[in-house]
C-alpha cells in the first residue's frame, strides 16, 4: 500500500502525540552498548563522549543527519537524539523538515522503515493470524497482551475486520514484562495445540492451561521494545507506521482503504 495518502484527522493527531510521548519514554532507562560497525572520526568521538557522560544510554547507531554538522544517534525504542559534530550539544527528540504539505517528522519516517523491515523478517508461523475472509485487502500486525482490556476490545472486532478484508497478525507483548503472570499466560497460549482457539479463550478471560515449548514470546516482546512499542494494542501497518491504542473497526478500515 502507498504511504502518501493523508490519514484521517483523528489518527494524525494520535500519531503526532504518540511520537512526542515515545521520545520522552525512550530516552530513559537504557543500558550501554557498543557497535562493531565502522564509524567516522566524528561519530566515534560522539560515541566516546556519550559513553562517558551518558553511561545509561544504549547507543544503537550514529549517522549524519540531513542537517550539516548534526549527527543522529539511534537509541532504544526506535528513538533518536541529535548531537553536534563536536559532541558538545545534544538535542532530544525528532527532526522535522518543512515540506509542501507541512512539517514532515524525519525521525518517524526512519522508525517506519525500521518497523517495516524488522516485521518483514519475521516468520508468520510464530504469529497468531486471523486471515481476512476472501481476498486480503490489508494486513495489520498487532503487538498485543492477552490481559489488556483494549486488546480484548480490538479482538472483539476480529470477525468484522476479517469480513472487511483485513488480516490481523498478532505478536506477543506482555505489558508487565517478562517473567510475569501475563508473560507465562502468553507462553501457554502460544504453546497451545490450537493457538488461535486458545488465544480467543485468553482474550475472553478464560482459563489457559499451563503449557511450555520453544516459543517466540520473549523475542517478540524485545522486538516491540526495539521498534517503539510502549503499550498495547500497538497496530503496525504495512508501511511501518504505528498506531497505539484501540481503534474502532470502521475507523481502522477508513484509514487502511483510503491508501489503496
C-alpha atoms as a PDB file:
ATOM      1  CA  UNK A   1       0.000   0.000   0.000  1.00  0.00           C
ATOM      2  CA  UNK A   2       1.162   3.546  -0.686  1.00  0.00           C
ATOM      3  CA  UNK A   3       2.094   5.708   2.326  1.00  0.00           C
ATOM      4  CA  UNK A   4       1.462   9.045   0.595  1.00  0.00           C
ATOM      5  CA  UNK A   5      -2.250   9.393   1.408  1.00  0.00           C
ATOM      6  CA  UNK A   6      -3.390  11.623   4.256  1.00  0.00           C
ATOM      7  CA  UNK A   7      -4.559   9.890   7.444  1.00  0.00           C
ATOM      8  CA  UNK A   8      -7.929  10.890   8.958  1.00  0.00           C
ATOM      9  CA  UNK A   9      -7.508  13.890  11.290  1.00  0.00           C
ATOM     10  CA  UNK A  10      -8.060  11.917  14.497  1.00  0.00           C
ATOM     11  CA  UNK A  11      -5.432   9.346  13.583  1.00  0.00           C
ATOM     12  CA  UNK A  12      -2.932  12.055  12.527  1.00  0.00           C
ATOM     13  CA  UNK A  13      -3.334  13.694  15.951  1.00  0.00           C
ATOM     14  CA  UNK A  14      -2.815  10.386  17.729  1.00  0.00           C
ATOM     15  CA  UNK A  15       0.367   9.714  15.744  1.00  0.00           C
ATOM     16  CA  UNK A  16       1.822  13.154  16.495  1.00  0.00           C
ATOM     17  CA  UNK A  17       1.046  12.967  20.217  1.00  0.00           C
ATOM     18  CA  UNK A  18       2.350   9.417  20.483  1.00  0.00           C
ATOM     19  CA  UNK A  19       5.606  10.424  18.795  1.00  0.00           C
ATOM     20  CA  UNK A  20       6.344  13.089  21.389  1.00  0.00           C
ATOM     21  CA  UNK A  21       5.417  10.774  24.293  1.00  0.00           C
ATOM     22  CA  UNK A  22       7.600   7.990  22.901  1.00  0.00           C
ATOM     23  CA  UNK A  23      10.573  10.352  22.731  1.00  0.00           C
ATOM     24  CA  UNK A  24      10.229  11.154  26.416  1.00  0.00           C
ATOM     25  CA  UNK A  25       9.894   7.487  27.326  1.00  0.00           C
ATOM     26  CA  UNK A  26      12.692   6.313  25.038  1.00  0.00           C
ATOM     27  CA  UNK A  27      15.463   8.494  26.442  1.00  0.00           C
ATOM     28  CA  UNK A  28      15.493   6.915  29.916  1.00  0.00           C
ATOM     29  CA  UNK A  29      16.214   3.506  31.430  1.00  0.00           C
ATOM     30  CA  UNK A  30      18.777   2.385  28.883  1.00  0.00           C
ATOM     31  CA  UNK A  31      21.997   0.374  29.144  1.00  0.00           C
ATOM     32  CA  UNK A  32      25.360   0.947  27.474  1.00  0.00           C
ATOM     33  CA  UNK A  33      26.210  -0.861  24.254  1.00  0.00           C
ATOM     34  CA  UNK A  34      28.890  -0.526  21.617  1.00  0.00           C
ATOM     35  CA  UNK A  35      28.682  -1.075  17.890  1.00  0.00           C
ATOM     36  CA  UNK A  36      31.057  -3.046  15.737  1.00  0.00           C
ATOM     37  CA  UNK A  37      30.244  -1.023  12.607  1.00  0.00           C
ATOM     38  CA  UNK A  38      32.907   1.287  11.152  1.00  0.00           C
ATOM     39  CA  UNK A  39      32.270   4.939  12.046  1.00  0.00           C
ATOM     40  CA  UNK A  40      33.712   8.285  11.082  1.00  0.00           C
ATOM     41  CA  UNK A  41      36.063  10.044  13.484  1.00  0.00           C
ATOM     42  CA  UNK A  42      33.268  12.435  14.448  1.00  0.00           C
ATOM     43  CA  UNK A  43      30.817   9.608  15.112  1.00  0.00           C
ATOM     44  CA  UNK A  44      33.434   7.749  17.151  1.00  0.00           C
ATOM     45  CA  UNK A  45      34.063  10.894  19.206  1.00  0.00           C
ATOM     46  CA  UNK A  46      30.322  11.262  19.847  1.00  0.00           C
ATOM     47  CA  UNK A  47      30.099   7.626  20.943  1.00  0.00           C
ATOM     48  CA  UNK A  48      33.059   8.071  23.300  1.00  0.00           C
ATOM     49  CA  UNK A  49      31.658  11.229  24.860  1.00  0.00           C
ATOM     50  CA  UNK A  50      28.162   9.791  25.306  1.00  0.00           C
ATOM     51  CA  UNK A  51      29.638   6.627  26.785  1.00  0.00           C
ATOM     52  CA  UNK A  52      31.378   8.777  29.372  1.00  0.00           C
ATOM     53  CA  UNK A  53      28.695  11.367  30.106  1.00  0.00           C
ATOM     54  CA  UNK A  54      25.575   9.250  29.485  1.00  0.00           C
ATOM     55  CA  UNK A  55      26.616   5.727  30.564  1.00  0.00           C
ATOM     56  CA  UNK A  56      22.996   4.571  30.929  1.00  0.00           C
ATOM     57  CA  UNK A  57      22.179   5.330  27.289  1.00  0.00           C
ATOM     58  CA  UNK A  58      22.085   2.441  24.831  1.00  0.00           C
ATOM     59  CA  UNK A  59      23.554   3.586  21.521  1.00  0.00           C
ATOM     60  CA  UNK A  60      22.354   1.535  18.565  1.00  0.00           C
ATOM     61  CA  UNK A  61      23.882   3.622  15.789  1.00  0.00           C
ATOM     62  CA  UNK A  62      25.332   7.003  14.843  1.00  0.00           C
ATOM     63  CA  UNK A  63      24.950   8.542  11.383  1.00  0.00           C
ATOM     64  CA  UNK A  64      24.972  12.001   9.781  1.00  0.00           C
ATOM     65  CA  UNK A  65      21.554  13.669   9.843  1.00  0.00           C
ATOM     66  CA  UNK A  66      20.108  15.659   6.932  1.00  0.00           C
ATOM     67  CA  UNK A  67      21.326  18.810   8.720  1.00  0.00           C
ATOM     68  CA  UNK A  68      25.049  19.528   8.128  1.00  0.00           C
ATOM     69  CA  UNK A  69      27.089  19.271  11.320  1.00  0.00           C
ATOM     70  CA  UNK A  70      24.406  17.331  13.179  1.00  0.00           C
ATOM     71  CA  UNK A  71      24.501  13.578  13.849  1.00  0.00           C
ATOM     72  CA  UNK A  72      21.556  11.309  14.575  1.00  0.00           C
ATOM     73  CA  UNK A  73      22.146   8.894  17.457  1.00  0.00           C
ATOM     74  CA  UNK A  74      19.713   5.969  17.423  1.00  0.00           C
ATOM     75  CA  UNK A  75      18.760   4.690  20.864  1.00  0.00           C
ATOM     76  CA  UNK A  76      16.301   2.141  22.259  1.00  0.00           C
ATOM     77  CA  UNK A  77      12.569   2.135  21.461  1.00  0.00           C
ATOM     78  CA  UNK A  78      13.305   3.348  17.930  1.00  0.00           C
ATOM     79  CA  UNK A  79      14.034   6.845  19.188  1.00  0.00           C
ATOM     80  CA  UNK A  80      16.862   9.268  18.405  1.00  0.00           C
ATOM     81  CA  UNK A  81      18.746  12.200  19.787  1.00  0.00           C
ATOM     82  CA  UNK A  82      20.747  14.665  17.720  1.00  0.00           C
ATOM     83  CA  UNK A  83      24.319  15.630  18.576  1.00  0.00           C
ATOM     84  CA  UNK A  84      26.572  18.329  17.154  1.00  0.00           C
ATOM     85  CA  UNK A  85      29.679  17.133  15.320  1.00  0.00           C
ATOM     86  CA  UNK A  86      31.883  18.407  18.148  1.00  0.00           C
ATOM     87  CA  UNK A  87      29.788  16.336  20.602  1.00  0.00           C
ATOM     88  CA  UNK A  88      29.092  19.402  22.727  1.00  0.00           C
ATOM     89  CA  UNK A  89      25.368  19.875  22.097  1.00  0.00           C
ATOM     90  CA  UNK A  90      22.584  17.286  22.425  1.00  0.00           C
ATOM     91  CA  UNK A  91      19.012  17.715  21.196  1.00  0.00           C
ATOM     92  CA  UNK A  92      16.484  15.095  22.342  1.00  0.00           C
ATOM     93  CA  UNK A  93      13.518  14.487  20.097  1.00  0.00           C
ATOM     94  CA  UNK A  94      12.687  14.220  16.422  1.00  0.00           C
ATOM     95  CA  UNK A  95      13.908  16.223  13.464  1.00  0.00           C
ATOM     96  CA  UNK A  96      11.184  17.849  11.353  1.00  0.00           C
ATOM     97  CA  UNK A  97      11.557  19.018   7.755  1.00  0.00           C
ATOM     98  CA  UNK A  98       9.343  21.640   6.149  1.00  0.00           C
ATOM     99  CA  UNK A  99       7.556  20.161   3.125  1.00  0.00           C
ATOM    100  CA  UNK A 100       4.877  21.189   0.665  1.00  0.00           C
ATOM    101  CA  UNK A 101       2.161  19.686   2.868  1.00  0.00           C
ATOM    102  CA  UNK A 102       3.552  20.874   6.190  1.00  0.00           C
ATOM    103  CA  UNK A 103       6.123  19.501   8.605  1.00  0.00           C
ATOM    104  CA  UNK A 104       7.471  16.013   7.990  1.00  0.00           C
ATOM    105  CA  UNK A 105       8.722  14.041  11.002  1.00  0.00           C
ATOM    106  CA  UNK A 106      12.023  12.618   9.741  1.00  0.00           C
ATOM    107  CA  UNK A 107      12.505  10.525  12.872  1.00  0.00           C
ATOM    108  CA  UNK A 108       9.125   8.859  12.455  1.00  0.00           C
ATOM    109  CA  UNK A 109       9.857   8.116   8.802  1.00  0.00           C
ATOM    110  CA  UNK A 110      13.059   6.363   9.869  1.00  0.00           C
ATOM    111  CA  UNK A 111      11.209   4.400  12.551  1.00  0.00           C
ATOM    112  CA  UNK A 112       8.589   3.366   9.972  1.00  0.00           C
ATOM    113  CA  UNK A 113      11.325   1.823   7.825  1.00  0.00           C
ATOM    114  CA  UNK A 114      12.829   0.103  10.868  1.00  0.00           C
ATOM    115  CA  UNK A 115       9.475  -1.398  11.886  1.00  0.00           C
ATOM    116  CA  UNK A 116       8.616  -2.449   8.346  1.00  0.00           C
ATOM    117  CA  UNK A 117      11.939  -4.240   7.822  1.00  0.00           C
ATOM    118  CA  UNK A 118      12.030  -5.889  11.249  1.00  0.00           C
ATOM    119  CA  UNK A 119       8.489  -7.227  10.955  1.00  0.00           C
ATOM    120  CA  UNK A 120       9.007  -8.345   7.357  1.00  0.00           C
ATOM    121  CA  UNK A 121      11.889 -10.522   8.588  1.00  0.00           C
ATOM    122  CA  UNK A 122       9.627 -12.457  10.988  1.00  0.00           C
ATOM    123  CA  UNK A 123       8.294 -15.923  10.239  1.00  0.00           C
ATOM    124  CA  UNK A 124       4.495 -15.947  10.160  1.00  0.00           C
ATOM    125  CA  UNK A 125       4.470 -19.349  11.845  1.00  0.00           C
ATOM    126  CA  UNK A 126       5.456 -17.513  15.046  1.00  0.00           C
ATOM    127  CA  UNK A 127       2.409 -15.229  14.800  1.00  0.00           C
ATOM    128  CA  UNK A 128      -1.238 -15.868  15.608  1.00  0.00           C
ATOM    129  CA  UNK A 129      -3.063 -14.915  12.433  1.00  0.00           C
ATOM    130  CA  UNK A 130      -6.739 -14.237  11.789  1.00  0.00           C
ATOM    131  CA  UNK A 131      -6.940 -14.001   7.982  1.00  0.00           C
ATOM    132  CA  UNK A 132      -9.379 -11.920   6.010  1.00  0.00           C
ATOM    133  CA  UNK A 133     -12.429 -13.610   4.552  1.00  0.00           C
ATOM    134  CA  UNK A 134     -11.810 -13.956   0.831  1.00  0.00           C
ATOM    135  CA  UNK A 135      -9.239 -11.599  -0.609  1.00  0.00           C
ATOM    136  CA  UNK A 136      -6.995  -9.889   1.955  1.00  0.00           C
ATOM    137  CA  UNK A 137      -7.124  -6.164   1.210  1.00  0.00           C
ATOM    138  CA  UNK A 138      -4.918  -5.053   4.093  1.00  0.00           C
ATOM    139  CA  UNK A 139      -2.743  -6.587   6.807  1.00  0.00           C
ATOM    140  CA  UNK A 140      -2.240  -5.157  10.287  1.00  0.00           C
ATOM    141  CA  UNK A 141       0.376  -6.569  12.652  1.00  0.00           C
ATOM    142  CA  UNK A 142      -0.643  -6.084  16.283  1.00  0.00           C
ATOM    143  CA  UNK A 143       1.570  -6.215  19.368  1.00  0.00           C
ATOM    144  CA  UNK A 144      -0.890  -7.497  21.948  1.00  0.00           C
ATOM    145  CA  UNK A 145      -1.337  -8.515  25.583  1.00  0.00           C
ATOM    146  CA  UNK A 146      -3.990 -11.126  26.412  1.00  0.00           C
ATOM    147  CA  UNK A 147      -4.941  -9.330  29.652  1.00  0.00           C
ATOM    148  CA  UNK A 148      -5.139  -5.806  28.176  1.00  0.00           C
ATOM    149  CA  UNK A 149      -8.779  -4.502  28.138  1.00  0.00           C
ATOM    150  CA  UNK A 150      -8.382  -2.585  24.894  1.00  0.00           C
ATOM    151  CA  UNK A 151      -6.599  -5.527  23.268  1.00  0.00           C
ATOM    152  CA  UNK A 152      -9.649  -7.591  24.145  1.00  0.00           C
ATOM    153  CA  UNK A 153     -11.880  -4.909  22.689  1.00  0.00           C
ATOM    154  CA  UNK A 154      -9.914  -4.989  19.428  1.00  0.00           C
ATOM    155  CA  UNK A 155     -10.121  -8.781  19.278  1.00  0.00           C
ATOM    156  CA  UNK A 156     -13.874  -8.486  19.786  1.00  0.00           C
ATOM    157  CA  UNK A 157     -13.930  -6.750  16.377  1.00  0.00           C
ATOM    158  CA  UNK A 158     -11.978  -9.552  14.691  1.00  0.00           C
ATOM    159  CA  UNK A 159     -14.928 -11.054  12.794  1.00  0.00           C
ATOM    160  CA  UNK A 160     -15.979  -7.632  11.489  1.00  0.00           C
ATOM    161  CA  UNK A 161     -12.433  -6.767  10.447  1.00  0.00           C
ATOM    162  CA  UNK A 162     -11.967 -10.107   8.685  1.00  0.00           C
ATOM    163  CA  UNK A 163     -15.237  -9.614   6.792  1.00  0.00           C
ATOM    164  CA  UNK A 164     -13.933  -6.232   5.620  1.00  0.00           C
ATOM    165  CA  UNK A 165     -10.909  -7.966   4.086  1.00  0.00           C
ATOM    166  CA  UNK A 166      -8.460  -7.078   6.871  1.00  0.00           C
ATOM    167  CA  UNK A 167      -5.981  -9.680   8.129  1.00  0.00           C
ATOM    168  CA  UNK A 168      -4.727  -9.320  11.709  1.00  0.00           C
ATOM    169  CA  UNK A 169      -1.390 -10.853  12.693  1.00  0.00           C
ATOM    170  CA  UNK A 170      -0.708 -10.923  16.428  1.00  0.00           C
ATOM    171  CA  UNK A 171       2.682 -10.627  18.124  1.00  0.00           C
ATOM    172  CA  UNK A 172       3.176 -11.046  21.862  1.00  0.00           C
ATOM    173  CA  UNK A 173       3.889  -8.032  24.049  1.00  0.00           C
ATOM    174  CA  UNK A 174       3.167  -8.728  27.743  1.00  0.00           C
ATOM    175  CA  UNK A 175       2.879  -5.198  29.169  1.00  0.00           C
ATOM    176  CA  UNK A 176       4.044  -6.280  32.614  1.00  0.00           C
ATOM    177  CA  UNK A 177       7.306  -7.547  31.151  1.00  0.00           C
ATOM    178  CA  UNK A 178       8.981 -10.923  31.070  1.00  0.00           C
ATOM    179  CA  UNK A 179       8.764 -13.489  33.866  1.00  0.00           C
ATOM    180  CA  UNK A 180       5.345 -12.233  34.926  1.00  0.00           C
ATOM    181  CA  UNK A 181       1.954 -13.906  35.133  1.00  0.00           C
ATOM    182  CA  UNK A 182       0.842 -12.408  31.824  1.00  0.00           C
ATOM    183  CA  UNK A 183       4.085 -13.443  30.152  1.00  0.00           C
ATOM    184  CA  UNK A 184       3.611 -17.079  31.182  1.00  0.00           C
ATOM    185  CA  UNK A 185      -0.053 -16.985  30.183  1.00  0.00           C
ATOM    186  CA  UNK A 186       1.016 -15.815  26.722  1.00  0.00           C
ATOM    187  CA  UNK A 187       3.638 -18.556  26.543  1.00  0.00           C
ATOM    188  CA  UNK A 188       0.907 -21.084  27.346  1.00  0.00           C
ATOM    189  CA  UNK A 189      -1.288 -19.525  24.651  1.00  0.00           C
ATOM    190  CA  UNK A 190       1.452 -19.689  22.010  1.00  0.00           C
ATOM    191  CA  UNK A 191       2.237 -23.280  23.054  1.00  0.00           C
ATOM    192  CA  UNK A 192      -1.365 -24.499  22.922  1.00  0.00           C
ATOM    193  CA  UNK A 193      -2.233 -27.225  20.426  1.00  0.00           C
ATOM    194  CA  UNK A 194      -4.804 -24.891  18.836  1.00  0.00           C
ATOM    195  CA  UNK A 195      -3.162 -21.498  19.188  1.00  0.00           C
ATOM    196  CA  UNK A 196      -5.955 -19.458  17.639  1.00  0.00           C
ATOM    197  CA  UNK A 197      -8.683 -21.023  19.726  1.00  0.00           C
ATOM    198  CA  UNK A 198      -6.701 -20.630  22.954  1.00  0.00           C
ATOM    199  CA  UNK A 199      -5.864 -17.046  22.038  1.00  0.00           C
ATOM    200  CA  UNK A 200      -9.562 -16.206  21.829  1.00  0.00           C
ATOM    201  CA  UNK A 201     -10.193 -18.000  25.136  1.00  0.00           C
ATOM    202  CA  UNK A 202      -7.456 -15.913  26.765  1.00  0.00           C
ATOM    203  CA  UNK A 203      -8.836 -12.718  25.257  1.00  0.00           C
ATOM    204  CA  UNK A 204     -12.231 -13.502  26.772  1.00  0.00           C
ATOM    205  CA  UNK A 205     -10.696 -14.003  30.206  1.00  0.00           C
ATOM    206  CA  UNK A 206     -10.983 -17.775  30.179  1.00  0.00           C
ATOM    207  CA  UNK A 207      -8.630 -20.271  31.781  1.00  0.00           C
ATOM    208  CA  UNK A 208      -5.465 -21.021  29.852  1.00  0.00           C
ATOM    209  CA  UNK A 209      -3.943 -24.411  30.739  1.00  0.00           C
ATOM    210  CA  UNK A 210      -0.248 -24.149  31.521  1.00  0.00           C
ATOM    211  CA  UNK A 211       1.949 -25.201  28.617  1.00  0.00           C
ATOM    212  CA  UNK A 212       5.546 -24.687  27.614  1.00  0.00           C
ATOM    213  CA  UNK A 213       7.509 -25.073  24.402  1.00  0.00           C
ATOM    214  CA  UNK A 214      10.099 -23.350  22.260  1.00  0.00           C
ATOM    215  CA  UNK A 215       8.182 -20.079  21.795  1.00  0.00           C
ATOM    216  CA  UNK A 216       8.697 -16.555  20.381  1.00  0.00           C
ATOM    217  CA  UNK A 217       7.036 -14.561  23.189  1.00  0.00           C
ATOM    218  CA  UNK A 218      10.217 -13.103  24.734  1.00  0.00           C
ATOM    219  CA  UNK A 219      11.740 -12.337  21.318  1.00  0.00           C
ATOM    220  CA  UNK A 220       8.569 -10.585  20.136  1.00  0.00           C
ATOM    221  CA  UNK A 221       8.434  -8.564  23.344  1.00  0.00           C
ATOM    222  CA  UNK A 222      12.039  -7.414  22.859  1.00  0.00           C
ATOM    223  CA  UNK A 223      11.294  -6.603  19.213  1.00  0.00           C
ATOM    224  CA  UNK A 224       8.361  -4.466  20.301  1.00  0.00           C
ATOM    225  CA  UNK A 225      10.571  -2.502  22.694  1.00  0.00           C
ATOM    226  CA  UNK A 226      13.145  -2.062  19.917  1.00  0.00           C
ATOM    227  CA  UNK A 227      10.655  -0.597  17.432  1.00  0.00           C
ATOM    228  CA  UNK A 228       8.942   1.777  19.853  1.00  0.00           C
ATOM    229  CA  UNK A 229       6.042  -0.188  21.348  1.00  0.00           C
ATOM    230  CA  UNK A 230       5.279   1.190  24.817  1.00  0.00           C
ATOM    231  CA  UNK A 231       1.749  -0.146  25.320  1.00  0.00           C
ATOM    232  CA  UNK A 232      -0.902  -2.384  23.819  1.00  0.00           C
ATOM    233  CA  UNK A 233      -2.533  -2.790  21.462  1.00  0.00           C
ATOM    234  CA  UNK A 234       0.026  -1.321  19.074  1.00  0.00           C
ATOM    235  CA  UNK A 235      -1.079  -1.585  15.449  1.00  0.00           C
ATOM    236  CA  UNK A 236       1.633  -1.613  12.802  1.00  0.00           C
ATOM    237  CA  UNK A 237       0.546  -1.008   9.222  1.00  0.00           C
ATOM    238  CA  UNK A 238       2.198  -2.364   6.097  1.00  0.00           C
ATOM    239  CA  UNK A 239       4.256   0.788   5.563  1.00  0.00           C
ATOM    240  CA  UNK A 240       5.656   0.553   9.103  1.00  0.00           C
ATOM    241  CA  UNK A 241       3.595   3.318  10.685  1.00  0.00           C
ATOM    242  CA  UNK A 242       2.350   2.541  14.180  1.00  0.00           C
ATOM    243  CA  UNK A 243      -0.907   3.428  15.894  1.00  0.00           C
ATOM    244  CA  UNK A 244      -1.012   2.950  19.663  1.00  0.00           C
ATOM    245  CA  UNK A 245      -4.332   2.040  21.245  1.00  0.00           C
ATOM    246  CA  UNK A 246      -7.702   0.703  20.213  1.00  0.00           C
ATOM    247  CA  UNK A 247      -9.384   1.984  17.051  1.00  0.00           C
ATOM    248  CA  UNK A 248     -12.976   1.015  16.140  1.00  0.00           C
ATOM    249  CA  UNK A 249     -13.221  -1.302  13.140  1.00  0.00           C
ATOM    250  CA  UNK A 250     -14.895   1.277  10.890  1.00  0.00           C
ATOM    251  CA  UNK A 251     -12.239   3.922  11.641  1.00  0.00           C
ATOM    252  CA  UNK A 252      -9.428   1.457  11.066  1.00  0.00           C
ATOM    253  CA  UNK A 253     -10.913   0.368   7.743  1.00  0.00           C
ATOM    254  CA  UNK A 254     -11.345   4.008   6.707  1.00  0.00           C
ATOM    255  CA  UNK A 255      -7.627   4.631   7.176  1.00  0.00           C
ATOM    256  CA  UNK A 256      -6.472   1.407   5.557  1.00  0.00           C
ATOM    257  CA  UNK A 257      -8.655   1.591   2.463  1.00  0.00           C
ATOM    258  CA  UNK A 258      -8.034   5.320   1.917  1.00  0.00           C
ATOM    259  CA  UNK A 259      -4.488   4.326   0.946  1.00  0.00           C
ATOM    260  CA  UNK A 260      -5.406   1.952  -1.853  1.00  0.00           C
END
